[in-house]
C-alpha atoms as a PDB file:
ATOM      1  CA  UNK A   1      -0.813  -7.491  -1.546  1.00  0.00           C
ATOM      2  CA  UNK A   2       2.125  -8.465   0.820  1.00  0.00           C
ATOM      3  CA  UNK A   3       1.978  -8.506   4.114  1.00  0.00           C
ATOM      4  CA  UNK A   4       4.959  -5.832   4.534  1.00  0.00           C
ATOM      5  CA  UNK A   5       3.651  -2.239   5.145  1.00  0.00           C
ATOM      6  CA  UNK A   6       3.727  -0.344   1.937  1.00  0.00           C
ATOM      7  CA  UNK A   7       5.514   2.980   1.634  1.00  0.00           C
ATOM      8  CA  UNK A   8       3.730   5.923   0.003  1.00  0.00           C
ATOM      9  CA  UNK A   9       5.916   5.640  -2.973  1.00  0.00           C
ATOM     10  CA  UNK A  10       5.091   2.153  -3.388  1.00  0.00           C
ATOM     11  CA  UNK A  11       1.275   3.159  -3.302  1.00  0.00           C
ATOM     12  CA  UNK A  12       1.823   5.718  -6.191  1.00  0.00           C
ATOM     13  CA  UNK A  13       3.449   3.279  -8.337  1.00  0.00           C
ATOM     14  CA  UNK A  14       0.868   0.856  -7.922  1.00  0.00           C
ATOM     15  CA  UNK A  15      -1.775   3.694  -8.850  1.00  0.00           C
ATOM     16  CA  UNK A  16       0.074   4.008 -11.863  1.00  0.00           C
ATOM     17  CA  UNK A  17       0.011   0.495 -12.598  1.00  0.00           C
ATOM     18  CA  UNK A  18      -3.699   0.014 -11.652  1.00  0.00           C
ATOM     19  CA  UNK A  19      -4.448   3.099 -14.090  1.00  0.00           C
ATOM     20  CA  UNK A  20      -2.612   1.738 -16.877  1.00  0.00           C
ATOM     21  CA  UNK A  21      -4.376  -1.764 -16.534  1.00  0.00           C
ATOM     22  CA  UNK A  22      -7.725   0.012 -16.433  1.00  0.00           C
ATOM     23  CA  UNK A  23      -6.843   2.003 -19.708  1.00  0.00           C
ATOM     24  CA  UNK A  24      -5.815  -1.286 -20.990  1.00  0.00           C
ATOM     25  CA  UNK A  25      -8.618  -2.690 -23.545  1.00  0.00           C
ATOM     26  CA  UNK A  26      -7.455  -6.176 -22.378  1.00  0.00           C
ATOM     27  CA  UNK A  27      -8.777  -5.757 -18.828  1.00  0.00           C
ATOM     28  CA  UNK A  28     -12.096  -7.422 -18.194  1.00  0.00           C
ATOM     29  CA  UNK A  29     -15.015  -5.589 -16.417  1.00  0.00           C
ATOM     30  CA  UNK A  30     -14.622  -7.836 -13.249  1.00  0.00           C
ATOM     31  CA  UNK A  31     -11.106  -7.479 -13.099  1.00  0.00           C
ATOM     32  CA  UNK A  32     -11.522  -3.539 -13.820  1.00  0.00           C
ATOM     33  CA  UNK A  33     -13.907  -3.226 -10.812  1.00  0.00           C
ATOM     34  CA  UNK A  34     -11.356  -4.944  -8.567  1.00  0.00           C
ATOM     35  CA  UNK A  35      -8.412  -2.903  -9.632  1.00  0.00           C
ATOM     36  CA  UNK A  36     -10.543   0.252  -9.248  1.00  0.00           C
ATOM     37  CA  UNK A  37     -11.639  -0.693  -5.462  1.00  0.00           C
ATOM     38  CA  UNK A  38      -8.067  -1.376  -5.032  1.00  0.00           C
ATOM     39  CA  UNK A  39      -6.901   2.114  -6.303  1.00  0.00           C
ATOM     40  CA  UNK A  40      -9.594   3.830  -4.337  1.00  0.00           C
ATOM     41  CA  UNK A  41      -8.198   2.431  -1.111  1.00  0.00           C
ATOM     42  CA  UNK A  42      -4.724   3.172  -2.186  1.00  0.00           C
ATOM     43  CA  UNK A  43      -6.096   6.967  -3.130  1.00  0.00           C
ATOM     44  CA  UNK A  44      -7.460   7.261   0.319  1.00  0.00           C
ATOM     45  CA  UNK A  45      -4.269   5.740   2.119  1.00  0.00           C
ATOM     46  CA  UNK A  46      -1.933   8.340   0.079  1.00  0.00           C
ATOM     47  CA  UNK A  47      -4.358  11.371   0.903  1.00  0.00           C
ATOM     48  CA  UNK A  48      -4.327  10.764   4.579  1.00  0.00           C
ATOM     49  CA  UNK A  49      -0.410  10.080   4.684  1.00  0.00           C
ATOM     50  CA  UNK A  50      -0.410  13.628   2.489  1.00  0.00           C
ATOM     51  CA  UNK A  51      -2.351  15.084   5.119  1.00  0.00           C
ATOM     52  CA  UNK A  52      -0.683  13.901   8.153  1.00  0.00           C
ATOM     53  CA  UNK A  53       2.754  14.841   6.444  1.00  0.00           C
ATOM     54  CA  UNK A  54       1.531  18.360   6.017  1.00  0.00           C
ATOM     55  CA  UNK A  55       0.120  18.917   9.451  1.00  0.00           C
ATOM     56  CA  UNK A  56       3.687  17.676  10.714  1.00  0.00           C
ATOM     57  CA  UNK A  57       5.376  20.258   8.306  1.00  0.00           C
ATOM     58  CA  UNK A  58       3.030  23.022   9.662  1.00  0.00           C
ATOM     59  CA  UNK A  59       3.408  21.872  13.315  1.00  0.00           C
ATOM     60  CA  UNK A  60       7.547  22.015  12.663  1.00  0.00           C
ATOM     61  CA  UNK A  61       7.205  25.430  10.919  1.00  0.00           C
ATOM     62  CA  UNK A  62       5.082  26.890  13.884  1.00  0.00           C
ATOM     63  CA  UNK A  63       7.675  25.750  16.240  1.00  0.00           C
ATOM     64  CA  UNK A  64      10.520  27.080  14.481  1.00  0.00           C
ATOM     65  CA  UNK A  65       8.744  30.550  14.011  1.00  0.00           C
ATOM     66  CA  UNK A  66       7.827  30.804  17.647  1.00  0.00           C
ATOM     67  CA  UNK A  67      11.744  29.748  18.449  1.00  0.00           C
ATOM     68  CA  UNK A  68      12.668  32.547  16.250  1.00  0.00           C
ATOM     69  CA  UNK A  69      10.237  35.187  17.545  1.00  0.00           C
ATOM     70  CA  UNK A  70      11.370  34.386  21.239  1.00  0.00           C
END
């Protein structure tokens, strides 16, 4: 992976690539394990990003509801 910070969308695209490579019959066992490991790391990163986004949205929604109720 490059030194630049990958975006959520970059991670999803890479996960799709990994999935296609793992489904390919030409990918060897050793490479498949490495790809799977990379995929797990990316999936964790995406899950964390989504969880943080959900938390932020809930906070914003709560702030909006409080300002409307006042």
